[in-house]
Amino acid sequence: MAKLLIVEDSATDRDYLRDLLVRAGHVVMTANSGREGLSLARSEAPDLIFMDIVMDDVDGYHATRALKDDPQTVGIPVVVVSSKNQKADKMWAQLQGAKGYLVKPAAAEEVLRQIDALLGAPRA
């Protein structure tokens, strides 16, 4: 069981991910904006963050870069979850510090695979 943070401004996408992750046994926090996500990441120290790119206040690229520049949050892996599906988007996310990239709508297996890959396989 991991403590996960979802940073997503779309209620539909946020609820889909939250429900999926809760059913998989994880503790899940959510943020409606990049700014709120940065604040929660600093105060709650999640094990992993799922980050949208297109958000009104602070976009996911900026938020990911801010997390990687902060000694308090630099070790938290970020997986971008976005409708942007161009190779350049994926490369830019990686350059900002993202450890994974999923295209919406992300299949449940892909989401759970990212957690296993970044946090270690689940224990039996």
C-alpha atoms as a PDB file:
ATOM      1  CA  MET A   1       0.000   0.000   0.000  1.00  0.00           C
ATOM      2  CA  ALA A   2       1.385   3.373  -1.043  1.00  0.00           C
ATOM      3  CA  LYS A   3       0.440   6.961  -0.237  1.00  0.00           C
ATOM      4  CA  LEU A   4      -0.382   8.551  -3.609  1.00  0.00           C
ATOM      5  CA  LEU A   5      -1.216  12.091  -4.708  1.00  0.00           C
ATOM      6  CA  ILE A   6      -3.321  12.846  -7.789  1.00  0.00           C
ATOM      7  CA  VAL A   7      -2.950  16.376  -9.178  1.00  0.00           C
ATOM      8  CA  GLU A   8      -5.765  16.783 -11.696  1.00  0.00           C
ATOM      9  CA  ASP A   9      -8.180  19.645 -12.411  1.00  0.00           C
ATOM     10  CA  SER A  10     -10.762  17.475 -14.201  1.00  0.00           C
ATOM     11  CA  ALA A  11     -13.154  15.985 -11.629  1.00  0.00           C
ATOM     12  CA  THR A  12     -13.948  13.071 -13.957  1.00  0.00           C
ATOM     13  CA  ASP A  13     -10.300  12.110 -14.484  1.00  0.00           C
ATOM     14  CA  ARG A  14      -9.440  12.701 -10.818  1.00  0.00           C
ATOM     15  CA  ASP A  15     -12.318  10.513  -9.609  1.00  0.00           C
ATOM     16  CA  TYR A  16     -11.433   7.723 -12.070  1.00  0.00           C
ATOM     17  CA  LEU A  17      -7.837   7.563 -10.851  1.00  0.00           C
ATOM     18  CA  ARG A  18      -8.781   7.939  -7.174  1.00  0.00           C
ATOM     19  CA  ASP A  19     -11.347   5.125  -7.336  1.00  0.00           C
ATOM     20  CA  LEU A  20      -8.938   2.841  -9.186  1.00  0.00           C
ATOM     21  CA  LEU A  21      -6.134   3.432  -6.703  1.00  0.00           C
ATOM     22  CA  VAL A  22      -8.334   3.123  -3.615  1.00  0.00           C
ATOM     23  CA  ARG A  23      -9.706  -0.209  -4.927  1.00  0.00           C
ATOM     24  CA  ALA A  24      -6.084  -1.352  -5.339  1.00  0.00           C
ATOM     25  CA  GLY A  25      -5.545  -0.667  -1.618  1.00  0.00           C
ATOM     26  CA  HIS A  26      -3.631   2.615  -1.731  1.00  0.00           C
ATOM     27  CA  VAL A  27      -4.056   5.730   0.379  1.00  0.00           C
ATOM     28  CA  VAL A  28      -4.998   8.523  -2.024  1.00  0.00           C
ATOM     29  CA  MET A  29      -4.966  12.305  -1.725  1.00  0.00           C
ATOM     30  CA  THR A  30      -6.161  14.636  -4.460  1.00  0.00           C
ATOM     31  CA  ALA A  31      -5.405  18.182  -5.543  1.00  0.00           C
ATOM     32  CA  ASN A  32      -7.468  20.253  -7.967  1.00  0.00           C
ATOM     33  CA  SER A  33      -4.560  22.401  -9.175  1.00  0.00           C
ATOM     34  CA  GLY A  34      -0.814  22.472  -9.596  1.00  0.00           C
ATOM     35  CA  ARG A  35      -0.428  24.950  -6.762  1.00  0.00           C
ATOM     36  CA  GLU A  36      -2.497  22.777  -4.391  1.00  0.00           C
ATOM     37  CA  GLY A  37      -0.528  19.717  -5.523  1.00  0.00           C
ATOM     38  CA  LEU A  38       2.793  21.360  -4.665  1.00  0.00           C
ATOM     39  CA  SER A  39       1.495  22.293  -1.224  1.00  0.00           C
ATOM     40  CA  LEU A  40       0.190  18.769  -0.528  1.00  0.00           C
ATOM     41  CA  ALA A  41       3.397  17.170  -1.784  1.00  0.00           C
ATOM     42  CA  ARG A  42       5.391  19.252   0.694  1.00  0.00           C
ATOM     43  CA  SER A  43       3.066  18.701   3.662  1.00  0.00           C
ATOM     44  CA  GLU A  44       2.085  15.048   3.108  1.00  0.00           C
ATOM     45  CA  ALA A  45       5.205  13.541   1.437  1.00  0.00           C
ATOM     46  CA  PRO A  46       3.398  11.050  -0.835  1.00  0.00           C
ATOM     47  CA  ASP A  47       5.243   8.034  -2.203  1.00  0.00           C
ATOM     48  CA  LEU A  48       4.287   8.906  -5.791  1.00  0.00           C
ATOM     49  CA  ILE A  49       2.435  11.681  -7.649  1.00  0.00           C
ATOM     50  CA  PHE A  50       0.171  11.378 -10.701  1.00  0.00           C
ATOM     51  CA  MET A  51       0.330  14.778 -12.436  1.00  0.00           C
ATOM     52  CA  ASP A  52      -1.856  16.272 -15.155  1.00  0.00           C
ATOM     53  CA  ILE A  53      -0.166  18.741 -17.539  1.00  0.00           C
ATOM     54  CA  VAL A  54      -2.857  21.216 -18.565  1.00  0.00           C
ATOM     55  CA  MET A  55      -4.107  23.065 -15.485  1.00  0.00           C
ATOM     56  CA  ASP A  56      -5.079  26.704 -15.011  1.00  0.00           C
ATOM     57  CA  ASP A  57      -2.862  28.002 -12.232  1.00  0.00           C
ATOM     58  CA  VAL A  58       0.397  26.027 -12.383  1.00  0.00           C
ATOM     59  CA  ASP A  59       0.763  23.514 -15.205  1.00  0.00           C
ATOM     60  CA  GLY A  60       2.103  20.022 -14.635  1.00  0.00           C
ATOM     61  CA  TYR A  61       5.472  20.737 -16.277  1.00  0.00           C
ATOM     62  CA  HIS A  62       6.084  23.664 -13.928  1.00  0.00           C
ATOM     63  CA  ALA A  63       4.836  21.713 -10.893  1.00  0.00           C
ATOM     64  CA  THR A  64       7.042  18.715 -11.730  1.00  0.00           C
ATOM     65  CA  ARG A  65      10.083  20.974 -12.171  1.00  0.00           C
ATOM     66  CA  ALA A  66       9.300  22.703  -8.850  1.00  0.00           C
ATOM     67  CA  LEU A  67       9.083  19.321  -7.087  1.00  0.00           C
ATOM     68  CA  LYS A  68      12.453  18.262  -8.506  1.00  0.00           C
ATOM     69  CA  ASP A  69      14.060  21.592  -7.505  1.00  0.00           C
ATOM     70  CA  ASP A  70      12.856  21.324  -3.894  1.00  0.00           C
ATOM     71  CA  PRO A  71      15.107  19.246  -1.579  1.00  0.00           C
ATOM     72  CA  GLN A  72      11.999  18.259   0.424  1.00  0.00           C
ATOM     73  CA  THR A  73      10.226  16.674  -2.596  1.00  0.00           C
ATOM     74  CA  VAL A  74      13.043  15.796  -5.016  1.00  0.00           C
ATOM     75  CA  GLY A  75      12.780  12.065  -4.219  1.00  0.00           C
ATOM     76  CA  ILE A  76       9.060  11.739  -4.967  1.00  0.00           C
ATOM     77  CA  PRO A  77       8.526  10.121  -8.384  1.00  0.00           C
ATOM     78  CA  VAL A  78       6.082  11.886 -10.707  1.00  0.00           C
ATOM     79  CA  VAL A  79       4.028  10.125 -13.377  1.00  0.00           C
ATOM     80  CA  VAL A  80       2.443  12.485 -15.875  1.00  0.00           C
ATOM     81  CA  VAL A  81      -1.118  11.555 -16.889  1.00  0.00           C
ATOM     82  CA  SER A  82      -2.174  13.661 -19.849  1.00  0.00           C
ATOM     83  CA  SER A  83      -4.264  13.764 -22.994  1.00  0.00           C
ATOM     84  CA  LYS A  84      -1.168  15.127 -24.763  1.00  0.00           C
ATOM     85  CA  ASN A  85       0.214  12.235 -26.791  1.00  0.00           C
ATOM     86  CA  GLN A  86       3.060  13.731 -28.813  1.00  0.00           C
ATOM     87  CA  LYS A  87       6.622  12.477 -28.451  1.00  0.00           C
ATOM     88  CA  ALA A  88       7.730  16.042 -27.647  1.00  0.00           C
ATOM     89  CA  ASP A  89       5.296  16.196 -24.707  1.00  0.00           C
ATOM     90  CA  LYS A  90       6.682  12.979 -23.265  1.00  0.00           C
ATOM     91  CA  MET A  91      10.279  14.113 -23.739  1.00  0.00           C
ATOM     92  CA  TRP A  92       9.568  17.506 -22.145  1.00  0.00           C
ATOM     93  CA  ALA A  93       7.914  15.817 -19.149  1.00  0.00           C
ATOM     94  CA  GLN A  94      10.981  13.618 -18.728  1.00  0.00           C
ATOM     95  CA  LEU A  95      13.259  16.670 -18.928  1.00  0.00           C
ATOM     96  CA  GLN A  96      11.234  18.282 -16.120  1.00  0.00           C
ATOM     97  CA  GLY A  97      11.849  15.203 -13.950  1.00  0.00           C
ATOM     98  CA  ALA A  98       8.867  12.921 -14.606  1.00  0.00           C
ATOM     99  CA  LYS A  99       9.633   9.227 -14.200  1.00  0.00           C
ATOM    100  CA  GLY A 100       6.624   7.988 -16.191  1.00  0.00           C
ATOM    101  CA  TYR A 101       4.024   9.132 -18.695  1.00  0.00           C
ATOM    102  CA  LEU A 102       0.515   7.814 -19.265  1.00  0.00           C
ATOM    103  CA  VAL A 103      -1.942   8.975 -21.919  1.00  0.00           C
ATOM    104  CA  LYS A 104      -5.573   9.531 -20.889  1.00  0.00           C
ATOM    105  CA  PRO A 105      -7.631   7.543 -20.547  1.00  0.00           C
ATOM    106  CA  ALA A 106      -4.999   5.371 -18.906  1.00  0.00           C
ATOM    107  CA  ALA A 107      -5.902   1.719 -18.526  1.00  0.00           C
ATOM    108  CA  ALA A 108      -5.985   0.428 -14.955  1.00  0.00           C
ATOM    109  CA  GLU A 109      -3.197  -2.064 -15.681  1.00  0.00           C
ATOM    110  CA  GLU A 110      -0.914   0.712 -16.962  1.00  0.00           C
ATOM    111  CA  VAL A 111      -1.526   2.870 -13.890  1.00  0.00           C
ATOM    112  CA  LEU A 112      -0.818   0.013 -11.483  1.00  0.00           C
ATOM    113  CA  ARG A 113       2.239  -1.037 -13.513  1.00  0.00           C
ATOM    114  CA  GLN A 114       3.724   2.448 -13.055  1.00  0.00           C
ATOM    115  CA  ILE A 115       3.334   2.156  -9.274  1.00  0.00           C
ATOM    116  CA  ASP A 116       4.988  -1.255  -9.253  1.00  0.00           C
ATOM    117  CA  ALA A 117       7.827  -0.063 -11.504  1.00  0.00           C
ATOM    118  CA  LEU A 118       8.574   3.042  -9.458  1.00  0.00           C
ATOM    119  CA  LEU A 119       7.869   1.824  -5.927  1.00  0.00           C
ATOM    120  CA  GLY A 120       8.651  -1.878  -6.225  1.00  0.00           C
ATOM    121  CA  ALA A 121       6.476  -4.893  -6.906  1.00  0.00           C
ATOM    122  CA  PRO A 122       3.645  -5.465  -4.430  1.00  0.00           C
ATOM    123  CA  ARG A 123       4.421  -7.826  -1.599  1.00  0.00           C
ATOM    124  CA  ALA A 124       2.523 -11.089  -1.288  1.00  0.00           C
END
